[in-house]
Amino acid sequence: MNKNGDTVAHIDAYYNYLQPGFNQWNLTDKSGRTVAHQAAEQDHLPPDFNQWELADNSGWTVAHEAACYGNLPSNFNKWDLVDNKGRAVAQVAREYEPPPPNAIDRVLLRKIRRNNQS
């Protein structure tokens, strides 16, 4: 563990150096943050990852972490997991998920149409 409380596995997850078949996702740092949290933040979870309910000391799950960074897989279905404050993954995803790439284009098109109708 380094001075920040990270294990070697946390550092490997950050840099995407975890070995294929790695299965110690529940290793924690000082704050209870798991290796899976670190991998989720960096979008380095394997496609078959299924331990979304792993939580840190505040109840923030791996799913919350992935949602916060827009890294949930398209087949994710555990939207009702909640942290210690009662925040569901669905709420976090709505708050942090970036808008679709063409959302800004749609807003601009609406403005142009309105201006042309005036």
N, C-alpha and C. Protein backbone atom coordinates (compact mmCIF):
# COMPACT_ATOMS: atom_id res chain seq x y z
N MET A 1 0.85 -1.17 0.00
CA MET A 1 0.00 0.00 0.00
C MET A 1 0.91 1.24 0.00
N ASN A 2 0.59 2.20 -0.87
CA ASN A 2 1.40 3.42 -0.89
C ASN A 2 0.88 4.42 0.13
N LYS A 3 1.46 5.61 0.16
CA LYS A 3 1.07 6.62 1.17
C LYS A 3 -0.37 7.09 1.02
N ASN A 4 -0.94 6.95 -0.18
CA ASN A 4 -2.34 7.33 -0.41
C ASN A 4 -3.31 6.19 -0.06
N GLY A 5 -2.75 5.04 0.28
CA GLY A 5 -3.60 3.91 0.62
C GLY A 5 -3.92 3.01 -0.55
N ASP A 6 -3.35 3.29 -1.71
CA ASP A 6 -3.61 2.45 -2.88
C ASP A 6 -2.78 1.18 -2.83
N THR A 7 -3.40 0.08 -3.24
CA THR A 7 -2.66 -1.17 -3.37
C THR A 7 -2.04 -1.20 -4.76
N VAL A 8 -1.16 -2.16 -4.98
CA VAL A 8 -0.57 -2.35 -6.31
C VAL A 8 -1.69 -2.59 -7.33
N ALA A 9 -2.71 -3.32 -6.92
CA ALA A 9 -3.83 -3.60 -7.83
C ALA A 9 -4.59 -2.33 -8.20
N HIS A 10 -4.74 -1.38 -7.28
CA HIS A 10 -5.39 -0.10 -7.59
C HIS A 10 -4.59 0.64 -8.68
N ILE A 11 -3.29 0.65 -8.53
CA ILE A 11 -2.43 1.33 -9.50
C ILE A 11 -2.50 0.61 -10.85
N ASP A 12 -2.45 -0.71 -10.80
CA ASP A 12 -2.58 -1.48 -12.05
C ASP A 12 -3.92 -1.22 -12.72
N ALA A 13 -4.99 -1.12 -11.95
CA ALA A 13 -6.33 -0.84 -12.52
C ALA A 13 -6.35 0.53 -13.17
N TYR A 14 -5.73 1.50 -12.54
CA TYR A 14 -5.67 2.85 -13.10
C TYR A 14 -5.02 2.85 -14.48
N TYR A 15 -3.92 2.12 -14.60
CA TYR A 15 -3.16 2.10 -15.86
C TYR A 15 -3.56 0.97 -16.81
N ASN A 16 -4.60 0.22 -16.43
CA ASN A 16 -5.09 -0.91 -17.24
C ASN A 16 -4.05 -2.01 -17.38
N TYR A 17 -3.32 -2.27 -16.30
CA TYR A 17 -2.30 -3.31 -16.30
C TYR A 17 -2.73 -4.58 -15.58
N LEU A 18 -3.99 -4.67 -15.17
CA LEU A 18 -4.44 -5.88 -14.49
C LEU A 18 -4.38 -7.06 -15.46
N GLN A 19 -3.97 -8.18 -14.93
CA GLN A 19 -3.84 -9.39 -15.74
C GLN A 19 -5.21 -9.94 -16.13
N PRO A 20 -5.32 -10.55 -17.30
CA PRO A 20 -6.59 -11.22 -17.67
C PRO A 20 -6.96 -12.23 -16.58
N GLY A 21 -8.22 -12.30 -16.24
CA GLY A 21 -8.67 -13.20 -15.19
C GLY A 21 -8.55 -12.63 -13.79
N PHE A 22 -8.10 -11.39 -13.66
CA PHE A 22 -8.01 -10.77 -12.33
C PHE A 22 -9.37 -10.88 -11.65
N ASN A 23 -9.37 -11.27 -10.37
CA ASN A 23 -10.65 -11.46 -9.68
C ASN A 23 -10.70 -10.89 -8.26
N GLN A 24 -9.75 -10.07 -7.90
CA GLN A 24 -9.73 -9.50 -6.55
C GLN A 24 -10.24 -8.06 -6.56
N TRP A 25 -11.40 -7.91 -7.18
CA TRP A 25 -12.00 -6.58 -7.34
C TRP A 25 -12.35 -5.92 -6.01
N ASN A 26 -12.49 -6.70 -4.95
CA ASN A 26 -12.92 -6.16 -3.66
C ASN A 26 -11.76 -5.69 -2.78
N LEU A 27 -10.51 -5.73 -3.25
CA LEU A 27 -9.40 -5.17 -2.48
C LEU A 27 -9.67 -3.69 -2.27
N THR A 28 -9.44 -3.19 -1.06
CA THR A 28 -9.77 -1.79 -0.76
C THR A 28 -8.55 -0.97 -0.36
N ASP A 29 -8.68 0.34 -0.56
CA ASP A 29 -7.69 1.28 -0.04
C ASP A 29 -8.18 1.77 1.33
N LYS A 30 -7.57 2.80 1.88
CA LYS A 30 -7.94 3.30 3.21
C LYS A 30 -9.38 3.77 3.31
N SER A 31 -9.94 4.27 2.23
CA SER A 31 -11.32 4.79 2.27
C SER A 31 -12.36 3.74 1.88
N GLY A 32 -11.90 2.51 1.67
CA GLY A 32 -12.82 1.46 1.27
C GLY A 32 -13.06 1.40 -0.22
N ARG A 33 -12.37 2.25 -0.97
CA ARG A 33 -12.51 2.26 -2.43
C ARG A 33 -11.85 1.00 -2.99
N THR A 34 -12.61 0.26 -3.79
CA THR A 34 -12.11 -1.01 -4.29
C THR A 34 -11.31 -0.84 -5.58
N VAL A 35 -10.62 -1.90 -5.94
CA VAL A 35 -9.92 -1.93 -7.22
C VAL A 35 -10.94 -1.74 -8.35
N ALA A 36 -12.12 -2.30 -8.18
CA ALA A 36 -13.17 -2.16 -9.19
C ALA A 36 -13.58 -0.70 -9.35
N HIS A 37 -13.64 0.07 -8.27
CA HIS A 37 -13.95 1.50 -8.37
C HIS A 37 -12.91 2.20 -9.26
N GLN A 38 -11.64 1.87 -9.00
CA GLN A 38 -10.55 2.49 -9.77
C GLN A 38 -10.67 2.12 -11.25
N ALA A 39 -10.92 0.86 -11.52
CA ALA A 39 -11.06 0.42 -12.91
C ALA A 39 -12.29 1.05 -13.57
N ALA A 40 -13.38 1.19 -12.83
CA ALA A 40 -14.60 1.78 -13.37
C ALA A 40 -14.38 3.25 -13.74
N GLU A 41 -13.66 3.97 -12.90
CA GLU A 41 -13.37 5.38 -13.18
C GLU A 41 -12.62 5.53 -14.50
N GLN A 42 -11.68 4.63 -14.75
CA GLN A 42 -10.84 4.72 -15.93
C GLN A 42 -11.40 3.97 -17.14
N ASP A 43 -12.60 3.37 -16.97
CA ASP A 43 -13.21 2.55 -18.02
C ASP A 43 -12.35 1.34 -18.36
N HIS A 44 -11.81 0.70 -17.31
CA HIS A 44 -10.94 -0.46 -17.48
C HIS A 44 -11.54 -1.74 -16.92
N LEU A 45 -12.84 -1.77 -16.70
CA LEU A 45 -13.47 -3.02 -16.23
C LEU A 45 -13.60 -3.97 -17.42
N PRO A 46 -13.47 -5.27 -17.16
CA PRO A 46 -13.65 -6.22 -18.26
C PRO A 46 -15.11 -6.28 -18.70
N PRO A 47 -15.37 -6.68 -19.94
CA PRO A 47 -16.75 -6.72 -20.45
C PRO A 47 -17.69 -7.60 -19.63
N ASP A 48 -17.16 -8.64 -19.00
CA ASP A 48 -18.01 -9.56 -18.22
C ASP A 48 -18.10 -9.19 -16.74
N PHE A 49 -17.66 -8.00 -16.36
CA PHE A 49 -17.71 -7.58 -14.95
C PHE A 49 -19.14 -7.61 -14.45
N ASN A 50 -19.33 -8.16 -13.22
CA ASN A 50 -20.70 -8.27 -12.68
C ASN A 50 -20.80 -7.96 -11.18
N GLN A 51 -19.81 -7.32 -10.61
CA GLN A 51 -19.82 -7.03 -9.17
C GLN A 51 -20.13 -5.55 -8.91
N TRP A 52 -21.17 -5.07 -9.55
CA TRP A 52 -21.55 -3.66 -9.49
C TRP A 52 -21.90 -3.19 -8.08
N GLU A 53 -22.28 -4.10 -7.20
CA GLU A 53 -22.72 -3.72 -5.86
C GLU A 53 -21.57 -3.49 -4.88
N LEU A 54 -20.31 -3.79 -5.25
CA LEU A 54 -19.19 -3.51 -4.36
C LEU A 54 -19.22 -2.03 -4.00
N ALA A 55 -19.08 -1.73 -2.71
CA ALA A 55 -19.23 -0.34 -2.26
C ALA A 55 -18.06 0.09 -1.38
N ASP A 56 -17.78 1.39 -1.40
CA ASP A 56 -16.77 1.94 -0.50
C ASP A 56 -17.41 2.24 0.86
N ASN A 57 -16.69 2.93 1.73
CA ASN A 57 -17.19 3.19 3.08
C ASN A 57 -18.45 4.06 3.11
N SER A 58 -18.71 4.81 2.03
CA SER A 58 -19.90 5.66 1.99
C SER A 58 -21.06 5.01 1.22
N GLY A 59 -20.87 3.76 0.84
CA GLY A 59 -21.92 3.07 0.12
C GLY A 59 -21.91 3.34 -1.38
N TRP A 60 -20.95 4.12 -1.86
CA TRP A 60 -20.81 4.44 -3.29
C TRP A 60 -20.36 3.17 -4.00
N THR A 61 -21.21 2.64 -4.85
CA THR A 61 -20.91 1.37 -5.50
C THR A 61 -20.06 1.56 -6.75
N VAL A 62 -19.57 0.46 -7.25
CA VAL A 62 -18.83 0.48 -8.52
C VAL A 62 -19.74 1.01 -9.62
N ALA A 63 -21.01 0.67 -9.55
CA ALA A 63 -21.98 1.16 -10.54
C ALA A 63 -22.10 2.68 -10.46
N HIS A 64 -22.14 3.25 -9.25
CA HIS A 64 -22.18 4.71 -9.10
C HIS A 64 -20.94 5.33 -9.75
N GLU A 65 -19.78 4.71 -9.48
CA GLU A 65 -18.52 5.24 -10.02
C GLU A 65 -18.53 5.22 -11.54
N ALA A 66 -18.93 4.11 -12.12
CA ALA A 66 -18.99 4.00 -13.58
C ALA A 66 -19.98 5.00 -14.17
N ALA A 67 -21.13 5.17 -13.50
CA ALA A 67 -22.15 6.11 -13.98
C ALA A 67 -21.61 7.54 -13.94
N CYS A 68 -20.88 7.86 -12.90
CA CYS A 68 -20.33 9.20 -12.73
C CYS A 68 -19.40 9.57 -13.89
N TYR A 69 -18.70 8.59 -14.43
CA TYR A 69 -17.75 8.84 -15.51
C TYR A 69 -18.28 8.43 -16.88
N GLY A 70 -19.57 8.06 -16.94
CA GLY A 70 -20.15 7.67 -18.21
C GLY A 70 -19.63 6.34 -18.74
N ASN A 71 -19.25 5.45 -17.82
CA ASN A 71 -18.62 4.19 -18.22
C ASN A 71 -19.47 2.95 -17.96
N LEU A 72 -20.77 3.11 -17.86
CA LEU A 72 -21.64 1.93 -17.68
C LEU A 72 -21.81 1.23 -19.03
N PRO A 73 -21.81 -0.11 -19.01
CA PRO A 73 -22.03 -0.81 -20.28
C PRO A 73 -23.48 -0.66 -20.74
N SER A 74 -23.70 -0.87 -22.01
CA SER A 74 -25.04 -0.68 -22.58
C SER A 74 -26.05 -1.67 -22.02
N ASN A 75 -25.60 -2.82 -21.53
CA ASN A 75 -26.52 -3.81 -20.98
C ASN A 75 -26.67 -3.72 -19.46
N PHE A 76 -26.20 -2.63 -18.85
CA PHE A 76 -26.30 -2.46 -17.40
C PHE A 76 -27.77 -2.43 -16.97
N ASN A 77 -28.08 -3.11 -15.84
CA ASN A 77 -29.49 -3.17 -15.41
C ASN A 77 -29.69 -3.06 -13.90
N LYS A 78 -28.72 -2.56 -13.16
CA LYS A 78 -28.85 -2.45 -11.70
C LYS A 78 -29.01 -0.98 -11.29
N TRP A 79 -29.95 -0.31 -11.94
CA TRP A 79 -30.16 1.12 -11.74
C TRP A 79 -30.63 1.48 -10.34
N ASP A 80 -31.17 0.51 -9.59
CA ASP A 80 -31.73 0.81 -8.27
C ASP A 80 -30.73 0.65 -7.12
N LEU A 81 -29.47 0.34 -7.38
CA LEU A 81 -28.48 0.29 -6.29
C LEU A 81 -28.37 1.69 -5.69
N VAL A 82 -28.35 1.78 -4.36
CA VAL A 82 -28.27 3.08 -3.70
C VAL A 82 -27.06 3.17 -2.79
N ASP A 83 -26.55 4.40 -2.62
CA ASP A 83 -25.45 4.64 -1.69
C ASP A 83 -26.02 4.94 -0.31
N ASN A 84 -25.17 5.29 0.65
CA ASN A 84 -25.63 5.54 2.02
C ASN A 84 -26.53 6.78 2.14
N LYS A 85 -26.50 7.64 1.13
CA LYS A 85 -27.36 8.83 1.13
C LYS A 85 -28.66 8.58 0.37
N GLY A 86 -28.84 7.36 -0.13
CA GLY A 86 -30.06 7.02 -0.85
C GLY A 86 -30.05 7.38 -2.33
N ARG A 87 -28.90 7.76 -2.86
CA ARG A 87 -28.80 8.11 -4.29
C ARG A 87 -28.68 6.85 -5.13
N ALA A 88 -29.60 6.67 -6.03
CA ALA A 88 -29.60 5.51 -6.92
C ALA A 88 -28.63 5.74 -8.08
N VAL A 89 -28.17 4.66 -8.65
CA VAL A 89 -27.28 4.74 -9.81
C VAL A 89 -27.96 5.53 -10.93
N ALA A 90 -29.26 5.32 -11.11
CA ALA A 90 -29.99 6.04 -12.16
C ALA A 90 -29.89 7.55 -11.95
N GLN A 91 -29.95 8.02 -10.71
CA GLN A 91 -29.83 9.45 -10.43
C GLN A 91 -28.45 9.96 -10.80
N VAL A 92 -27.44 9.21 -10.44
CA VAL A 92 -26.06 9.60 -10.75
C VAL A 92 -25.86 9.65 -12.26
N ALA A 93 -26.36 8.65 -12.95
CA ALA A 93 -26.21 8.61 -14.41
C ALA A 93 -26.86 9.82 -15.05
N ARG A 94 -28.05 10.20 -14.57
CA ARG A 94 -28.73 11.39 -15.12
C ARG A 94 -27.93 12.65 -14.84
N GLU A 95 -27.34 12.72 -13.66
CA GLU A 95 -26.61 13.92 -13.27
C GLU A 95 -25.28 14.08 -14.00
N TYR A 96 -24.57 12.97 -14.20
CA TYR A 96 -23.21 13.05 -14.73
C TYR A 96 -23.05 12.60 -16.18
N GLU A 97 -23.97 11.82 -16.68
CA GLU A 97 -23.81 11.29 -18.03
C GLU A 97 -23.76 12.43 -19.04
N PRO A 98 -22.74 12.43 -19.89
CA PRO A 98 -22.69 13.50 -20.89
C PRO A 98 -23.85 13.38 -21.87
N PRO A 99 -24.31 14.48 -22.42
CA PRO A 99 -25.42 14.40 -23.36
C PRO A 99 -24.99 13.66 -24.63
N PRO A 100 -25.94 13.10 -25.37
CA PRO A 100 -25.58 12.43 -26.62
C PRO A 100 -24.82 13.41 -27.52
N PRO A 101 -23.92 12.88 -28.36
CA PRO A 101 -23.09 13.75 -29.19
C PRO A 101 -23.88 14.74 -30.04
N ASN A 102 -25.07 14.37 -30.47
CA ASN A 102 -25.82 15.26 -31.34
C ASN A 102 -26.79 16.16 -30.59
N ALA A 103 -26.78 16.13 -29.27
CA ALA A 103 -27.72 16.94 -28.48
C ALA A 103 -27.49 18.42 -28.71
N ILE A 104 -26.25 18.85 -28.75
CA ILE A 104 -25.95 20.26 -28.97
C ILE A 104 -26.41 20.67 -30.36
N ASP A 105 -26.20 19.80 -31.33
CA ASP A 105 -26.66 20.08 -32.69
C ASP A 105 -28.18 20.29 -32.71
N ARG A 106 -28.91 19.48 -31.96
CA ARG A 106 -30.37 19.63 -31.93
C ARG A 106 -30.79 20.96 -31.33
N VAL A 107 -30.09 21.39 -30.29
CA VAL A 107 -30.39 22.67 -29.66
C VAL A 107 -30.14 23.80 -30.65
N LEU A 108 -29.02 23.74 -31.34
CA LEU A 108 -28.70 24.77 -32.34
C LEU A 108 -29.73 24.79 -33.46
N LEU A 109 -30.14 23.61 -33.91
CA LEU A 109 -31.15 23.54 -34.97
C LEU A 109 -32.46 24.18 -34.53
N ARG A 110 -32.88 23.93 -33.29
CA ARG A 110 -34.10 24.53 -32.77
C ARG A 110 -34.01 26.06 -32.78
N LYS A 111 -32.85 26.57 -32.35
CA LYS A 111 -32.65 28.03 -32.32
C LYS A 111 -32.71 28.59 -33.74
N ILE A 112 -32.08 27.93 -34.67
CA ILE A 112 -32.08 28.40 -36.06
C ILE A 112 -33.50 28.39 -36.62
N ARG A 113 -34.24 27.32 -36.34
CA ARG A 113 -35.62 27.23 -36.83
C ARG A 113 -36.47 28.35 -36.24
N ARG A 114 -36.31 28.59 -34.93
CA ARG A 114 -37.08 29.66 -34.29
C ARG A 114 -36.76 31.02 -34.92
N ASN A 115 -35.45 31.24 -35.15
CA ASN A 115 -35.05 32.51 -35.76
C ASN A 115 -35.60 32.66 -37.16
N ASN A 116 -35.65 31.57 -37.90
CA ASN A 116 -36.17 31.62 -39.27
C ASN A 116 -37.67 31.80 -39.30
N GLN A 117 -38.36 31.42 -38.24
CA GLN A 117 -39.82 31.56 -38.19
C GLN A 117 -40.21 32.97 -37.77
N SER A 118 -39.31 33.70 -37.22
CA SER A 118 -39.61 35.05 -36.71
C SER A 118 -39.75 36.06 -37.83
